Every structure is written in C-alpha cells, then in structure tokens.
N, C-alpha and C. Protein backbone atom coordinates (compact mmCIF):
# COMPACT_ATOMS: atom_id res chain seq x y z
N UNK A 1 0.81 -1.19 0.03
CA UNK A 1 0.00 0.10 0.03
C UNK A 1 0.86 1.24 -0.09
N UNK A 2 0.55 2.16 -0.87
CA UNK A 2 1.29 3.52 -0.99
C UNK A 2 0.27 4.43 -0.28
N UNK A 3 0.78 5.16 0.78
CA UNK A 3 0.03 6.15 1.57
C UNK A 3 0.02 7.38 0.92
N UNK A 4 -1.13 7.82 0.65
CA UNK A 4 -1.18 9.14 -0.13
C UNK A 4 -1.60 10.34 0.96
N UNK A 5 -2.53 10.00 1.77
CA UNK A 5 -3.05 11.07 2.73
C UNK A 5 -3.27 10.00 4.01
N UNK A 6 -3.73 10.58 5.16
CA UNK A 6 -3.98 9.78 6.22
C UNK A 6 -5.16 8.79 6.09
N UNK A 7 -6.07 9.28 5.11
CA UNK A 7 -7.33 8.32 5.10
C UNK A 7 -7.22 7.79 3.62
N UNK A 8 -6.29 7.97 2.80
CA UNK A 8 -6.25 7.39 1.42
C UNK A 8 -4.90 6.60 1.20
N UNK A 9 -5.14 5.49 0.75
CA UNK A 9 -3.79 4.57 0.41
C UNK A 9 -4.13 3.94 -0.80
N UNK A 10 -3.11 3.92 -1.89
CA UNK A 10 -3.26 3.20 -3.15
C UNK A 10 -2.71 1.87 -3.00
N UNK A 11 -3.40 0.91 -3.45
CA UNK A 11 -2.97 -0.52 -3.71
C UNK A 11 -1.99 -0.58 -4.92
N UNK A 12 -0.90 -1.09 -4.57
CA UNK A 12 0.11 -1.11 -5.71
C UNK A 12 -0.29 -2.03 -6.73
N UNK A 13 -1.24 -2.89 -6.78
CA UNK A 13 -1.79 -3.64 -7.90
C UNK A 13 -2.44 -2.68 -8.62
N UNK A 14 -2.91 -1.52 -8.41
CA UNK A 14 -3.68 -0.63 -9.30
C UNK A 14 -2.68 0.08 -10.29
N UNK A 15 -1.33 0.08 -9.81
CA UNK A 15 -0.34 0.80 -10.71
C UNK A 15 0.38 -0.27 -11.69
N UNK A 16 0.34 0.14 -12.77
CA UNK A 16 1.20 -0.63 -13.86
C UNK A 16 2.39 0.14 -14.29
N UNK A 17 3.70 -0.55 -14.11
CA UNK A 17 4.77 0.09 -14.38
C UNK A 17 5.38 -0.69 -15.60
N UNK A 18 5.99 0.10 -16.56
CA UNK A 18 6.68 -0.48 -17.67
C UNK A 18 7.92 0.32 -17.72
N UNK A 19 8.92 -0.45 -18.17
CA UNK A 19 10.15 0.39 -18.48
C UNK A 19 10.67 0.32 -19.88
N UNK A 20 10.94 1.64 -20.38
CA UNK A 20 11.29 1.86 -21.73
C UNK A 20 12.62 2.49 -21.90
N UNK A 21 13.02 2.51 -23.08
CA UNK A 21 14.34 3.27 -23.25
C UNK A 21 14.26 4.73 -23.11
N UNK A 22 14.99 5.41 -22.65
CA UNK A 22 14.87 6.85 -22.36
C UNK A 22 15.53 7.50 -23.55
N UNK A 23 14.93 8.74 -23.98
CA UNK A 23 15.53 9.40 -25.08
C UNK A 23 16.66 10.16 -24.63
N UNK A 24 17.35 10.79 -25.40
CA UNK A 24 18.57 11.61 -25.04
C UNK A 24 19.81 10.97 -24.82
N UNK A 25 20.78 11.70 -24.37
CA UNK A 25 22.21 11.17 -24.19
C UNK A 25 22.15 10.13 -23.00
N UNK A 26 23.00 9.15 -23.15
CA UNK A 26 23.06 8.09 -22.11
C UNK A 26 24.31 7.30 -22.00
N UNK A 27 25.21 7.60 -22.86
CA UNK A 27 26.41 6.85 -22.73
C UNK A 27 26.49 5.54 -23.45
N UNK A 28 27.29 4.65 -22.89
CA UNK A 28 27.55 3.27 -23.70
C UNK A 28 26.39 2.47 -23.59
N UNK A 29 25.61 2.43 -22.56
CA UNK A 29 24.35 1.55 -22.63
C UNK A 29 23.22 2.13 -22.96
N UNK A 30 23.03 3.29 -23.73
CA UNK A 30 22.05 3.95 -24.21
C UNK A 30 20.82 3.14 -24.95
N UNK A 31 21.42 2.07 -25.87
CA UNK A 31 20.56 1.37 -26.46
C UNK A 31 20.25 0.08 -25.89
N UNK A 32 20.73 -0.16 -24.75
CA UNK A 32 20.76 -1.50 -24.15
C UNK A 32 19.70 -1.61 -23.04
N UNK A 33 19.79 -0.56 -22.12
CA UNK A 33 19.09 -0.49 -21.03
C UNK A 33 17.83 0.32 -20.95
N UNK A 34 16.76 -0.25 -20.57
CA UNK A 34 15.31 0.41 -20.39
C UNK A 34 15.36 1.12 -19.19
N UNK A 35 15.67 2.29 -18.86
CA UNK A 35 15.52 2.89 -17.55
C UNK A 35 14.40 3.72 -17.25
N UNK A 36 13.72 4.38 -18.45
CA UNK A 36 12.72 5.35 -18.07
C UNK A 36 11.46 4.54 -17.73
N UNK A 37 10.85 5.06 -16.82
CA UNK A 37 9.62 4.37 -16.18
C UNK A 37 8.38 5.10 -16.81
N UNK A 38 7.45 4.26 -17.13
CA UNK A 38 6.04 4.72 -17.50
C UNK A 38 5.11 4.05 -16.67
N UNK A 39 4.38 4.84 -15.86
CA UNK A 39 3.39 4.48 -14.94
C UNK A 39 1.98 4.71 -15.41
N UNK A 40 1.20 3.71 -15.26
CA UNK A 40 -0.29 3.76 -15.66
C UNK A 40 -1.19 3.74 -14.56
N UNK A 41 -2.15 4.49 -14.32
CA UNK A 41 -3.04 4.22 -13.12
C UNK A 41 -4.35 4.69 -13.74
N UNK A 42 -5.41 3.59 -13.49
CA UNK A 42 -6.72 3.66 -14.07
C UNK A 42 -7.48 4.65 -13.15
N UNK A 43 -7.72 6.03 -13.47
CA UNK A 43 -8.36 6.73 -12.54
C UNK A 43 -9.87 6.58 -12.65
N UNK A 44 -10.37 6.20 -13.86
CA UNK A 44 -11.76 6.13 -14.04
C UNK A 44 -12.30 4.85 -13.20
N UNK A 45 -11.55 3.75 -13.09
CA UNK A 45 -12.01 2.62 -12.39
C UNK A 45 -11.53 2.28 -11.15
N UNK A 46 -10.89 3.24 -10.51
CA UNK A 46 -10.14 3.06 -9.23
C UNK A 46 -11.24 3.14 -8.11
N UNK A 47 -11.31 2.08 -7.33
CA UNK A 47 -12.28 2.12 -6.29
C UNK A 47 -11.99 2.94 -5.10
N UNK A 48 -10.79 3.43 -5.00
CA UNK A 48 -10.35 4.18 -3.87
C UNK A 48 -10.62 5.55 -3.80
N UNK A 49 -10.72 6.16 -4.95
CA UNK A 49 -11.00 7.49 -5.33
C UNK A 49 -12.49 7.92 -5.11
N UNK A 50 -12.91 8.92 -4.39
CA UNK A 50 -14.30 9.44 -4.44
C UNK A 50 -14.60 10.10 -5.77
N UNK A 51 -15.74 10.26 -6.02
CA UNK A 51 -16.17 10.99 -7.36
C UNK A 51 -15.59 12.34 -7.52
N UNK A 52 -15.65 13.18 -6.56
CA UNK A 52 -15.12 14.57 -6.58
C UNK A 52 -13.66 14.55 -6.61
N UNK A 53 -12.94 13.78 -5.93
CA UNK A 53 -11.54 13.70 -6.03
C UNK A 53 -11.05 13.03 -7.45
N UNK A 54 -11.90 12.29 -8.11
CA UNK A 54 -11.65 11.61 -9.43
C UNK A 54 -11.74 12.81 -10.41
N UNK A 55 -12.89 13.55 -10.35
CA UNK A 55 -13.10 14.69 -11.29
C UNK A 55 -11.89 15.64 -11.32
N UNK A 56 -11.55 16.07 -10.05
CA UNK A 56 -10.39 16.91 -9.86
C UNK A 56 -9.09 16.36 -10.34
N UNK A 57 -8.84 15.12 -10.15
CA UNK A 57 -7.63 14.47 -10.60
C UNK A 57 -7.62 14.27 -12.24
N UNK A 58 -8.78 14.14 -12.84
CA UNK A 58 -8.83 14.20 -14.27
C UNK A 58 -8.43 15.58 -14.87
N UNK A 59 -9.14 16.52 -14.01
CA UNK A 59 -8.91 17.97 -14.50
C UNK A 59 -7.35 18.35 -14.35
N UNK A 60 -6.80 18.06 -13.24
CA UNK A 60 -5.37 18.37 -12.93
C UNK A 60 -4.37 17.51 -13.76
N UNK A 61 -4.82 16.37 -14.37
CA UNK A 61 -3.84 15.57 -15.22
C UNK A 61 -3.74 16.19 -16.57
N UNK A 62 -4.76 16.75 -17.02
CA UNK A 62 -4.75 17.22 -18.39
C UNK A 62 -4.39 16.30 -19.48
N UNK A 63 -3.34 16.59 -20.30
CA UNK A 63 -2.96 15.76 -21.26
C UNK A 63 -2.28 14.41 -20.82
N UNK A 64 -2.00 14.40 -19.67
CA UNK A 64 -1.69 12.97 -19.29
C UNK A 64 -2.54 12.00 -18.94
N UNK A 65 -3.73 12.20 -19.30
CA UNK A 65 -4.79 11.28 -19.10
C UNK A 65 -5.48 10.96 -20.47
N UNK A 66 -5.64 9.61 -20.65
CA UNK A 66 -6.17 9.13 -21.93
C UNK A 66 -7.67 9.33 -21.93
N UNK A 67 -8.31 8.94 -23.16
CA UNK A 67 -9.64 9.12 -23.27
C UNK A 67 -10.45 7.96 -22.34
N UNK A 68 -9.61 6.81 -22.14
CA UNK A 68 -10.24 5.82 -21.45
C UNK A 68 -10.12 6.02 -19.99
N UNK A 69 -9.55 7.21 -19.40
CA UNK A 69 -9.44 7.46 -18.14
C UNK A 69 -8.19 6.98 -17.40
N UNK A 70 -7.06 6.57 -18.26
CA UNK A 70 -5.77 6.00 -17.77
C UNK A 70 -4.91 7.26 -17.70
N UNK A 71 -4.29 7.37 -16.40
CA UNK A 71 -3.32 8.33 -16.17
C UNK A 71 -1.85 7.81 -16.55
N UNK A 72 -1.22 8.51 -17.35
CA UNK A 72 0.19 8.13 -17.71
C UNK A 72 1.15 9.04 -17.47
N UNK A 73 2.29 8.54 -16.51
CA UNK A 73 3.25 9.37 -15.98
C UNK A 73 4.58 8.89 -16.60
N UNK A 74 5.44 9.54 -17.24
CA UNK A 74 6.63 9.24 -17.75
C UNK A 74 7.71 9.81 -16.88
N UNK A 75 8.67 8.90 -16.45
CA UNK A 75 9.64 9.34 -15.49
C UNK A 75 10.97 9.00 -16.11
N UNK A 76 11.68 10.00 -16.56
CA UNK A 76 13.06 9.58 -17.32
C UNK A 76 14.06 10.59 -16.80
N UNK A 77 13.92 11.12 -15.51
CA UNK A 77 14.86 12.10 -15.03
C UNK A 77 16.19 11.50 -14.54
N UNK A 78 16.17 10.25 -14.06
CA UNK A 78 17.34 9.82 -13.49
C UNK A 78 17.87 8.54 -14.41
N UNK A 79 19.16 8.03 -14.07
CA UNK A 79 19.74 7.12 -14.97
C UNK A 79 19.43 5.64 -14.55
N UNK A 80 18.85 5.43 -13.35
CA UNK A 80 18.40 3.95 -13.03
C UNK A 80 16.95 3.79 -12.82
N UNK A 81 16.54 2.42 -13.20
CA UNK A 81 15.13 2.15 -13.20
C UNK A 81 14.62 2.49 -11.90
N UNK A 82 15.25 2.25 -10.88
CA UNK A 82 14.67 2.23 -9.40
C UNK A 82 14.28 3.68 -9.14
N UNK A 83 15.23 4.55 -9.38
CA UNK A 83 14.98 6.06 -9.12
C UNK A 83 13.95 6.55 -9.99
N UNK A 84 13.70 6.22 -11.26
CA UNK A 84 12.72 6.60 -12.14
C UNK A 84 11.41 6.10 -11.69
N UNK A 85 11.33 4.83 -11.11
CA UNK A 85 10.11 4.14 -10.76
C UNK A 85 9.59 4.84 -9.52
N UNK A 86 10.52 5.22 -8.52
CA UNK A 86 10.14 5.91 -7.41
C UNK A 86 9.51 7.41 -7.65
N UNK A 87 10.40 7.93 -8.72
CA UNK A 87 10.08 9.28 -9.14
C UNK A 87 8.59 9.45 -9.79
N UNK A 88 8.28 8.45 -10.48
CA UNK A 88 7.01 8.20 -11.12
C UNK A 88 5.92 8.01 -9.99
N UNK A 89 6.18 7.24 -9.00
CA UNK A 89 5.22 7.05 -7.91
C UNK A 89 5.06 8.25 -6.98
N UNK A 90 6.24 8.92 -6.90
CA UNK A 90 6.09 10.29 -6.00
C UNK A 90 5.30 11.29 -6.89
N UNK A 91 5.38 11.46 -8.17
CA UNK A 91 4.63 12.20 -8.93
C UNK A 91 3.17 11.90 -8.84
N UNK A 92 2.71 10.69 -8.86
CA UNK A 92 1.35 10.21 -8.85
C UNK A 92 0.83 10.58 -7.50
N UNK A 93 1.44 10.22 -6.34
CA UNK A 93 1.05 10.47 -5.17
C UNK A 93 0.80 12.09 -4.87
N UNK A 94 1.77 12.94 -5.45
CA UNK A 94 1.52 14.26 -5.27
C UNK A 94 0.50 15.01 -6.15
N UNK A 95 0.09 14.23 -7.25
CA UNK A 95 -1.15 14.63 -8.00
C UNK A 95 -2.27 14.21 -7.35
N UNK A 96 -2.31 13.11 -6.68
CA UNK A 96 -3.68 12.71 -5.99
C UNK A 96 -3.69 13.56 -4.83
N UNK A 97 -2.69 13.85 -4.07
CA UNK A 97 -2.75 14.82 -3.05
C UNK A 97 -3.39 15.99 -3.32
N UNK A 98 -2.82 16.60 -4.55
CA UNK A 98 -3.55 17.86 -4.80
C UNK A 98 -4.91 17.95 -5.19
N UNK A 99 -5.29 16.60 -5.79
CA UNK A 99 -6.64 16.47 -6.16
C UNK A 99 -7.57 16.14 -5.08
N UNK A 100 -7.02 15.80 -3.75
CA UNK A 100 -7.92 15.59 -2.54
C UNK A 100 -8.27 16.94 -1.89
N UNK A 101 -7.44 18.04 -2.22
CA UNK A 101 -7.83 19.34 -1.47
C UNK A 101 -8.87 19.97 -2.41
N UNK A 102 -10.03 20.20 -1.80
CA UNK A 102 -11.22 21.09 -2.24
C UNK A 102 -10.94 22.41 -2.44
N UNK A 103 -11.03 22.86 -3.46
CA UNK A 103 -10.76 24.28 -3.83
C UNK A 103 -11.85 25.25 -3.08
N UNK A 104 -11.24 26.41 -2.63
CA UNK A 104 -12.08 27.30 -1.84
C UNK A 104 -12.97 27.92 -2.86
N UNK A 105 -14.37 27.96 -2.74
CA UNK A 105 -15.22 28.65 -3.65
C UNK A 105 -15.09 30.02 -3.69
N UNK A 106 -14.97 30.60 -5.02
CA UNK A 106 -14.71 32.00 -5.07
C UNK A 106 -16.06 32.74 -4.79
N UNK A 107 -15.85 33.70 -3.96
CA UNK A 107 -17.02 34.66 -3.65
C UNK A 107 -16.72 35.90 -4.40
N UNK A 108 -17.85 36.27 -5.18
CA UNK A 108 -17.85 37.65 -5.88
C UNK A 108 -17.85 38.78 -4.87
N UNK A 109 -16.98 39.78 -5.20
CA UNK A 109 -16.81 40.96 -4.52
C UNK A 109 -17.04 42.06 -5.26
N UNK A 110 -17.55 43.26 -4.82
CA UNK A 110 -17.82 44.53 -5.60
C UNK A 110 -16.88 45.57 -4.94
N UNK A 111 -16.55 46.49 -6.05
CA UNK A 111 -15.81 47.57 -5.71
C UNK A 111 -16.77 48.56 -5.04
N UNK A 112 -16.25 49.29 -3.91
CA UNK A 112 -17.14 50.27 -3.28
C UNK A 112 -17.31 51.42 -4.32
N UNK A 113 -18.25 52.22 -4.00
CA UNK A 113 -18.63 53.38 -4.90
C UNK A 113 -17.53 54.34 -4.83
N UNK A 114 -16.89 54.54 -3.52
CA UNK A 114 -15.86 55.41 -3.29
C UNK A 114 -14.49 55.24 -4.18
N UNK A 115 -14.31 53.78 -4.35
CA UNK A 115 -13.21 53.41 -5.14
C UNK A 115 -13.46 53.59 -6.53
N UNK A 116 -14.50 53.34 -7.08
CA UNK A 116 -14.99 53.62 -8.55
C UNK A 116 -14.77 55.13 -8.79
N UNK A 117 -15.37 55.93 -7.87
CA UNK A 117 -15.26 57.52 -7.98
C UNK A 117 -13.89 57.98 -8.14
N UNK A 118 -13.05 57.32 -7.09
CA UNK A 118 -11.61 57.81 -7.03
C UNK A 118 -10.81 57.33 -8.45
N UNK A 119 -11.18 56.23 -8.97
CA UNK A 119 -10.52 55.88 -10.19
C UNK A 119 -11.02 56.68 -11.25
N UNK A 120 -12.19 57.00 -11.48
CA UNK A 120 -12.66 57.85 -12.30
C UNK A 120 -12.02 59.20 -12.25
N UNK A 121 -11.98 59.81 -11.05
CA UNK A 121 -11.53 61.09 -10.99
C UNK A 121 -9.84 61.10 -11.21
N UNK A 122 -9.23 60.07 -10.92
CA UNK A 122 -7.82 59.98 -11.08
C UNK A 122 -7.52 59.95 -12.75
N UNK A 123 -8.47 59.20 -13.41
CA UNK A 123 -8.62 59.28 -14.82
C UNK A 123 -8.64 60.52 -15.53
N UNK A 124 -9.76 61.34 -14.89
CA UNK A 124 -9.99 62.77 -15.49
C UNK A 124 -8.68 63.72 -15.21
N UNK A 125 -8.03 63.48 -14.08
CA UNK A 125 -7.00 64.26 -13.79
C UNK A 125 -5.85 64.04 -14.54
N UNK A 126 -5.47 62.57 -14.94
CA UNK A 126 -4.46 62.27 -15.84
C UNK A 126 -4.59 62.74 -17.28
N UNK A 127 -6.02 62.68 -17.56
CA UNK A 127 -6.44 63.07 -19.03
C UNK A 127 -6.19 64.71 -19.06
N UNK A 128 -6.45 65.42 -18.14
CA UNK A 128 -6.33 66.84 -18.14
C UNK A 128 -4.87 67.17 -18.20
N UNK A 129 -3.89 66.54 -17.51
CA UNK A 129 -2.54 66.66 -17.49
C UNK A 129 -2.07 66.67 -18.79
N UNK A 130 -2.54 65.35 -19.58
CA UNK A 130 -2.00 65.02 -20.83
C UNK A 130 -2.59 66.17 -21.96
N UNK A 131 -3.77 66.66 -21.55
CA UNK A 131 -4.13 67.63 -22.60
C UNK A 131 -3.52 69.05 -22.39
N UNK A 132 -2.92 69.22 -21.33
CA UNK A 132 -2.17 70.36 -21.12
C UNK A 132 -0.85 70.16 -21.85
N UNK A 133 -0.22 69.05 -22.16
CA UNK A 133 0.76 68.90 -22.78
C UNK A 133 0.78 69.08 -24.37
N UNK A 134 -0.37 68.81 -24.89
CA UNK A 134 -0.56 68.97 -26.50
C UNK A 134 -0.05 70.32 -26.90
N UNK A 135 0.48 70.26 -28.04
CA UNK A 135 0.87 71.49 -28.67
C UNK A 135 -0.51 72.36 -29.14
N UNK A 136 -0.42 73.79 -28.94
CA UNK A 136 -1.52 74.60 -29.37
C UNK A 136 -1.42 74.79 -31.00
N UNK A 137 -2.54 74.29 -31.65
CA UNK A 137 -2.57 74.60 -33.13
C UNK A 137 -3.34 75.81 -33.47
N UNK A 138 -3.24 76.22 -34.68
CA UNK A 138 -4.39 77.37 -35.11
C UNK A 138 -5.78 76.94 -35.02
N UNK A 139 -5.98 75.76 -35.21
CA UNK A 139 -7.39 75.16 -35.13
C UNK A 139 -8.06 75.30 -33.87
N UNK A 140 -7.23 75.29 -32.81
CA UNK A 140 -7.75 75.23 -31.37
C UNK A 140 -8.08 76.55 -31.01
N UNK A 141 -7.09 77.59 -31.49
CA UNK A 141 -7.13 78.87 -30.93
C UNK A 141 -8.46 79.78 -31.69
C-alpha cells in the first residue's frame, strides 16, 4: 500500500509500471538498458477515489490522461530504473494529494462606490494633465 493521505492509500496492484528506453544522451548503454519508467493508473475505475477527487484528478492531469481514463506518467529524469520508478510513484502521489484538496469557492466581491469614483477622478486628472501637454495649433485657437 502506498500512503497518499492519512485516509487514502493506493493499492500497488492498481499501478502498472513499464520500463522503456529513455531518449537523449546516455553513454555506452543507451540502446541496451530500459531505464525510463512509464506508470499507468486507471483513474476512471479506481475504487479508492471518491467521485469529486476523481473529477479533480482528471482535470489536474490534463494531457497526461487518456480518453479511457488512464493516467500516464513518464519518468526519465534519472539514470536508474529504481529511481525513475520511485519518481513516477512520487509524482502520482503528489497529483492525487493535490486532487484531494477541495478548492475554496470564489465569492464575488464588488468595488465600493468610493473606489470607483476615485478611479474615475484619477483618470480625469491624468487626461487633463496630458491635454495640457498638447501643442496648441491654429485650429484650437
């Protein structure tokens, strides 16, 4: 079990890990060793996630989630399989933790009448100052 929060723990059986060859420079064993980890987690069918957490997780995942509801995380930051595996799991846990936090609802606020009036009077004052800087032409006189 992977502990996400005090009340939520992921079963390791729900996570599928696959190791693939990482792109980029890698030295002598670049074409031999599959060190990049590809983690897959079925968000749509996971019994551990509540519906609101599931919806927030799908929204947070963005392009990393497939149309079938599977979250795909690629970890290729490190040169060893084990560190990339742990990095992928840590990123999944961090994403689920973010999804468990319910966003605070936005409350509409209004500007006071005094603030609006002050803004408009400042605009008139700036406009007047700019008007005084204009060159006087024969048409104005």
